[in-house]
Amino acid sequence: MKMEQANYIKAIFTAVFAFLSALLGVLAVPVILLVACNLIDYMTGLMASKYRAEDINSYKSIRGIFKKVSMWLLVVVGAIIDEMLLYASTTIGWKSPVAFLIACIVAMWLICNEIISILENIQDMGVKIPAFLQPLVRHIRSQVEEQINSSDSEGE
């Protein structure tokens, strides 16, 4: 019976991820990573609050959840901008080779911020993290920002 349950669970996960992949396309992986980072950051934040001598209350908790949902909405806004750009470019006869570029960049930037927050939470709990991790994530985030800024200045 246990094997049947395991196969049933595998089938559900496969169906969910196949649906998300079909729905989101290239945006599926960044969205899944962002949600995973949101959950890990929320959990490590709750655990670290005890080490920071902070009280956990429902108001702070709800604010944290709203913040995470707002991150997802930022990715949606990026996807809307992508769709507007795609519509405008096809209207003038140019087919963009990239789908969901802005949304992916927004998601990557948010993922970097979440990873930095996770590392800070873990550090606050007294766990020693490898010295290269935070600078590495900060560098990735700055590279994303530089790419955005350089593409902005090229367009002017």
C-alpha atoms as a PDB file:
ATOM      1  CA  MET A   1       0.000   0.000   0.000  1.00  0.00           C
ATOM      2  CA  LYS A   2       2.857   2.389   0.747  1.00  0.00           C
ATOM      3  CA  MET A   3       4.185   2.061  -2.801  1.00  0.00           C
ATOM      4  CA  GLU A   4       0.792   3.055  -4.202  1.00  0.00           C
ATOM      5  CA  GLN A   5       0.720   6.145  -1.947  1.00  0.00           C
ATOM      6  CA  ALA A   6       4.238   7.114  -3.044  1.00  0.00           C
ATOM      7  CA  ASN A   7       3.269   6.769  -6.700  1.00  0.00           C
ATOM      8  CA  TYR A   8       0.114   8.810  -6.076  1.00  0.00           C
ATOM      9  CA  ILE A   9       2.158  11.615  -4.452  1.00  0.00           C
ATOM     10  CA  LYS A  10       4.688  11.510  -7.307  1.00  0.00           C
ATOM     11  CA  ALA A  11       1.864  11.756  -9.833  1.00  0.00           C
ATOM     12  CA  ILE A  12       0.395  14.794  -8.058  1.00  0.00           C
ATOM     13  CA  PHE A  13       3.763  16.587  -7.916  1.00  0.00           C
ATOM     14  CA  THR A  14       4.442  15.766 -11.572  1.00  0.00           C
ATOM     15  CA  ALA A  15       1.030  17.065 -12.616  1.00  0.00           C
ATOM     16  CA  VAL A  16       1.407  20.287 -10.610  1.00  0.00           C
ATOM     17  CA  PHE A  17       4.882  21.027 -11.966  1.00  0.00           C
ATOM     18  CA  ALA A  18       3.854  20.129 -15.523  1.00  0.00           C
ATOM     19  CA  PHE A  19       0.876  22.489 -15.233  1.00  0.00           C
ATOM     20  CA  LEU A  20       3.076  25.305 -13.866  1.00  0.00           C
ATOM     21  CA  SER A  21       5.650  24.731 -16.580  1.00  0.00           C
ATOM     22  CA  ALA A  22       3.008  24.783 -19.305  1.00  0.00           C
ATOM     23  CA  LEU A  23       1.387  27.884 -17.822  1.00  0.00           C
ATOM     24  CA  LEU A  24       4.513  29.909 -17.068  1.00  0.00           C
ATOM     25  CA  GLY A  25       7.018  28.567 -19.592  1.00  0.00           C
ATOM     26  CA  VAL A  26      10.472  30.018 -19.009  1.00  0.00           C
ATOM     27  CA  LEU A  27       9.163  31.849 -15.941  1.00  0.00           C
ATOM     28  CA  ALA A  28       8.313  28.582 -14.112  1.00  0.00           C
ATOM     29  CA  VAL A  29      11.763  27.973 -12.614  1.00  0.00           C
ATOM     30  CA  PRO A  30      12.285  31.530 -11.281  1.00  0.00           C
ATOM     31  CA  VAL A  31       8.761  31.572  -9.810  1.00  0.00           C
ATOM     32  CA  ILE A  32       9.227  28.187  -8.112  1.00  0.00           C
ATOM     33  CA  LEU A  33      12.623  29.313  -6.767  1.00  0.00           C
ATOM     34  CA  LEU A  34      11.122  32.574  -5.512  1.00  0.00           C
ATOM     35  CA  VAL A  35       8.297  30.773  -3.695  1.00  0.00           C
ATOM     36  CA  ALA A  36      10.801  28.319  -2.184  1.00  0.00           C
ATOM     37  CA  CYS A  37      13.040  31.193  -1.034  1.00  0.00           C
ATOM     38  CA  ASN A  38       9.999  33.032   0.379  1.00  0.00           C
ATOM     39  CA  LEU A  39       9.039  29.995   2.447  1.00  0.00           C
ATOM     40  CA  ILE A  40      12.600  29.395   3.668  1.00  0.00           C
ATOM     41  CA  ASP A  41      13.066  33.093   4.517  1.00  0.00           C
ATOM     42  CA  TYR A  42       9.786  33.173   6.428  1.00  0.00           C
ATOM     43  CA  MET A  43      10.670  30.046   8.406  1.00  0.00           C
ATOM     44  CA  THR A  44      14.239  31.140   9.166  1.00  0.00           C
ATOM     45  CA  GLY A  45      12.927  34.578  10.145  1.00  0.00           C
ATOM     46  CA  LEU A  46      10.572  32.978  12.658  1.00  0.00           C
ATOM     47  CA  MET A  47      13.388  30.832  14.036  1.00  0.00           C
ATOM     48  CA  ALA A  48      15.834  33.750  14.196  1.00  0.00           C
ATOM     49  CA  SER A  49      13.359  35.965  16.046  1.00  0.00           C
ATOM     50  CA  LYS A  50      13.998  33.947  19.214  1.00  0.00           C
ATOM     51  CA  TYR A  51      17.736  34.692  18.929  1.00  0.00           C
ATOM     52  CA  ARG A  52      17.071  38.372  18.254  1.00  0.00           C
ATOM     53  CA  ALA A  53      14.878  38.647  21.343  1.00  0.00           C
ATOM     54  CA  GLU A  54      11.946  39.653  19.126  1.00  0.00           C
ATOM     55  CA  ASP A  55       8.392  38.688  19.832  1.00  0.00           C
ATOM     56  CA  ILE A  56       6.502  36.784  17.191  1.00  0.00           C
ATOM     57  CA  ASN A  57       3.047  38.272  16.840  1.00  0.00           C
ATOM     58  CA  SER A  58       0.292  37.932  14.290  1.00  0.00           C
ATOM     59  CA  TYR A  59       0.699  41.534  13.069  1.00  0.00           C
ATOM     60  CA  LYS A  60       4.370  41.028  12.136  1.00  0.00           C
ATOM     61  CA  SER A  61       3.552  37.639  10.688  1.00  0.00           C
ATOM     62  CA  ILE A  62       0.775  38.993   8.475  1.00  0.00           C
ATOM     63  CA  ARG A  63       3.024  41.868   7.358  1.00  0.00           C
ATOM     64  CA  GLY A  64       5.668  39.315   6.363  1.00  0.00           C
ATOM     65  CA  ILE A  65       3.155  37.294   4.378  1.00  0.00           C
ATOM     66  CA  PHE A  66       1.879  40.437   2.631  1.00  0.00           C
ATOM     67  CA  LYS A  67       5.465  41.315   1.759  1.00  0.00           C
ATOM     68  CA  LYS A  68       5.996  37.884   0.170  1.00  0.00           C
ATOM     69  CA  VAL A  69       2.743  38.139  -1.796  1.00  0.00           C
ATOM     70  CA  SER A  70       3.808  41.615  -2.972  1.00  0.00           C
ATOM     71  CA  MET A  71       6.993  40.062  -4.347  1.00  0.00           C
ATOM     72  CA  TRP A  72       4.916  37.685  -6.428  1.00  0.00           C
ATOM     73  CA  LEU A  73       2.869  40.649  -7.639  1.00  0.00           C
ATOM     74  CA  LEU A  74       6.097  42.385  -8.736  1.00  0.00           C
ATOM     75  CA  VAL A  75       6.851  39.370 -10.929  1.00  0.00           C
ATOM     76  CA  VAL A  76       3.314  39.614 -12.342  1.00  0.00           C
ATOM     77  CA  VAL A  77       3.909  43.312 -13.083  1.00  0.00           C
ATOM     78  CA  GLY A  78       7.136  42.329 -14.866  1.00  0.00           C
ATOM     79  CA  ALA A  79       5.182  39.765 -16.906  1.00  0.00           C
ATOM     80  CA  ILE A  80       2.588  42.418 -17.800  1.00  0.00           C
ATOM     81  CA  ILE A  81       5.365  44.731 -18.988  1.00  0.00           C
ATOM     82  CA  ASP A  82       6.804  41.835 -21.013  1.00  0.00           C
ATOM     83  CA  GLU A  83       3.425  41.244 -22.647  1.00  0.00           C
ATOM     84  CA  MET A  84       3.063  44.965 -23.435  1.00  0.00           C
ATOM     85  CA  LEU A  85       6.523  44.986 -25.036  1.00  0.00           C
ATOM     86  CA  LEU A  86       5.713  41.821 -26.986  1.00  0.00           C
ATOM     87  CA  TYR A  87       2.454  43.326 -28.240  1.00  0.00           C
ATOM     88  CA  ALA A  88       4.148  46.580 -29.223  1.00  0.00           C
ATOM     89  CA  SER A  89       7.027  44.825 -30.971  1.00  0.00           C
ATOM     90  CA  THR A  90       4.768  42.486 -32.966  1.00  0.00           C
ATOM     91  CA  THR A  91       2.608  45.470 -33.912  1.00  0.00           C
ATOM     92  CA  ILE A  92       5.600  47.065 -35.637  1.00  0.00           C
ATOM     93  CA  GLY A  93       6.581  43.742 -37.215  1.00  0.00           C
ATOM     94  CA  TRP A  94       9.429  42.678 -34.949  1.00  0.00           C
ATOM     95  CA  LYS A  95       9.204  39.340 -33.111  1.00  0.00           C
ATOM     96  CA  SER A  96      11.037  39.332 -29.787  1.00  0.00           C
ATOM     97  CA  PRO A  97      13.218  36.236 -29.333  1.00  0.00           C
ATOM     98  CA  VAL A  98      12.844  36.374 -25.530  1.00  0.00           C
ATOM     99  CA  ALA A  99       9.738  35.713 -23.448  1.00  0.00           C
ATOM    100  CA  PHE A 100       9.261  37.083 -19.935  1.00  0.00           C
ATOM    101  CA  LEU A 101      12.641  38.836 -19.799  1.00  0.00           C
ATOM    102  CA  ILE A 102      11.566  41.603 -17.381  1.00  0.00           C
ATOM    103  CA  ALA A 103       9.650  39.171 -15.158  1.00  0.00           C
ATOM    104  CA  CYS A 104      12.664  36.820 -14.982  1.00  0.00           C
ATOM    105  CA  ILE A 105      14.993  39.694 -14.069  1.00  0.00           C
ATOM    106  CA  VAL A 106      12.591  40.874 -11.357  1.00  0.00           C
ATOM    107  CA  ALA A 107      12.310  37.316  -9.995  1.00  0.00           C
ATOM    108  CA  MET A 108      16.096  36.839 -10.010  1.00  0.00           C
ATOM    109  CA  TRP A 109      16.638  40.115  -8.151  1.00  0.00           C
ATOM    110  CA  LEU A 110      13.990  39.166  -5.564  1.00  0.00           C
ATOM    111  CA  ILE A 111      15.512  35.686  -5.171  1.00  0.00           C
ATOM    112  CA  CYS A 112      18.918  37.258  -4.470  1.00  0.00           C
ATOM    113  CA  ASN A 113      17.358  39.500  -1.803  1.00  0.00           C
ATOM    114  CA  GLU A 114      15.603  36.527  -0.235  1.00  0.00           C
ATOM    115  CA  ILE A 115      18.831  34.495  -0.163  1.00  0.00           C
ATOM    116  CA  ILE A 116      20.645  37.387   1.517  1.00  0.00           C
ATOM    117  CA  SER A 117      17.844  37.574   4.097  1.00  0.00           C
ATOM    118  CA  ILE A 118      17.983  33.802   4.657  1.00  0.00           C
ATOM    119  CA  LEU A 119      21.743  33.978   5.214  1.00  0.00           C
ATOM    120  CA  GLU A 120      21.309  36.859   7.663  1.00  0.00           C
ATOM    121  CA  ASN A 121      18.614  34.912   9.555  1.00  0.00           C
ATOM    122  CA  ILE A 122      20.839  31.850   9.765  1.00  0.00           C
ATOM    123  CA  GLN A 123      23.774  33.992  10.928  1.00  0.00           C
ATOM    124  CA  ASP A 124      21.598  35.549  13.638  1.00  0.00           C
ATOM    125  CA  MET A 125      20.899  32.047  14.941  1.00  0.00           C
ATOM    126  CA  GLY A 126      24.638  31.619  15.472  1.00  0.00           C
ATOM    127  CA  VAL A 127      25.270  29.313  12.536  1.00  0.00           C
ATOM    128  CA  LYS A 128      28.536  30.034  10.771  1.00  0.00           C
ATOM    129  CA  ILE A 129      27.986  30.364   7.041  1.00  0.00           C
ATOM    130  CA  PRO A 130      30.725  30.048   4.416  1.00  0.00           C
ATOM    131  CA  ALA A 131      32.448  33.414   3.966  1.00  0.00           C
ATOM    132  CA  PHE A 132      31.957  33.466   0.186  1.00  0.00           C
ATOM    133  CA  LEU A 133      28.154  33.082   0.199  1.00  0.00           C
ATOM    134  CA  GLN A 134      26.943  36.597   1.048  1.00  0.00           C
ATOM    135  CA  PRO A 135      29.430  38.411  -1.221  1.00  0.00           C
ATOM    136  CA  LEU A 136      28.570  35.968  -4.008  1.00  0.00           C
ATOM    137  CA  VAL A 137      24.829  36.633  -3.753  1.00  0.00           C
ATOM    138  CA  ARG A 138      25.377  40.393  -3.425  1.00  0.00           C
ATOM    139  CA  HIS A 139      27.590  40.247  -6.539  1.00  0.00           C
ATOM    140  CA  ILE A 140      24.906  38.390  -8.509  1.00  0.00           C
ATOM    141  CA  ARG A 141      22.308  40.977  -7.443  1.00  0.00           C
ATOM    142  CA  SER A 142      24.623  43.853  -8.434  1.00  0.00           C
ATOM    143  CA  GLN A 143      25.253  42.176 -11.809  1.00  0.00           C
ATOM    144  CA  VAL A 144      21.508  42.021 -12.440  1.00  0.00           C
ATOM    145  CA  GLU A 145      21.239  45.712 -11.505  1.00  0.00           C
ATOM    146  CA  GLU A 146      24.212  46.608 -13.739  1.00  0.00           C
ATOM    147  CA  GLN A 147      22.682  44.743 -16.694  1.00  0.00           C
ATOM    148  CA  ILE A 148      19.445  46.670 -16.202  1.00  0.00           C
ATOM    149  CA  ASN A 149      21.281  49.998 -15.914  1.00  0.00           C
ATOM    150  CA  SER A 150      23.484  49.318 -18.946  1.00  0.00           C
ATOM    151  CA  SER A 151      20.491  48.351 -21.088  1.00  0.00           C
ATOM    152  CA  ASP A 152      18.725  51.521 -19.925  1.00  0.00           C
ATOM    153  CA  SER A 153      21.653  53.714 -20.955  1.00  0.00           C
ATOM    154  CA  GLU A 154      21.956  51.939 -24.321  1.00  0.00           C
ATOM    155  CA  GLY A 155      18.332  52.739 -25.099  1.00  0.00           C
ATOM    156  CA  GLU A 156      18.818  56.478 -24.534  1.00  0.00           C
END
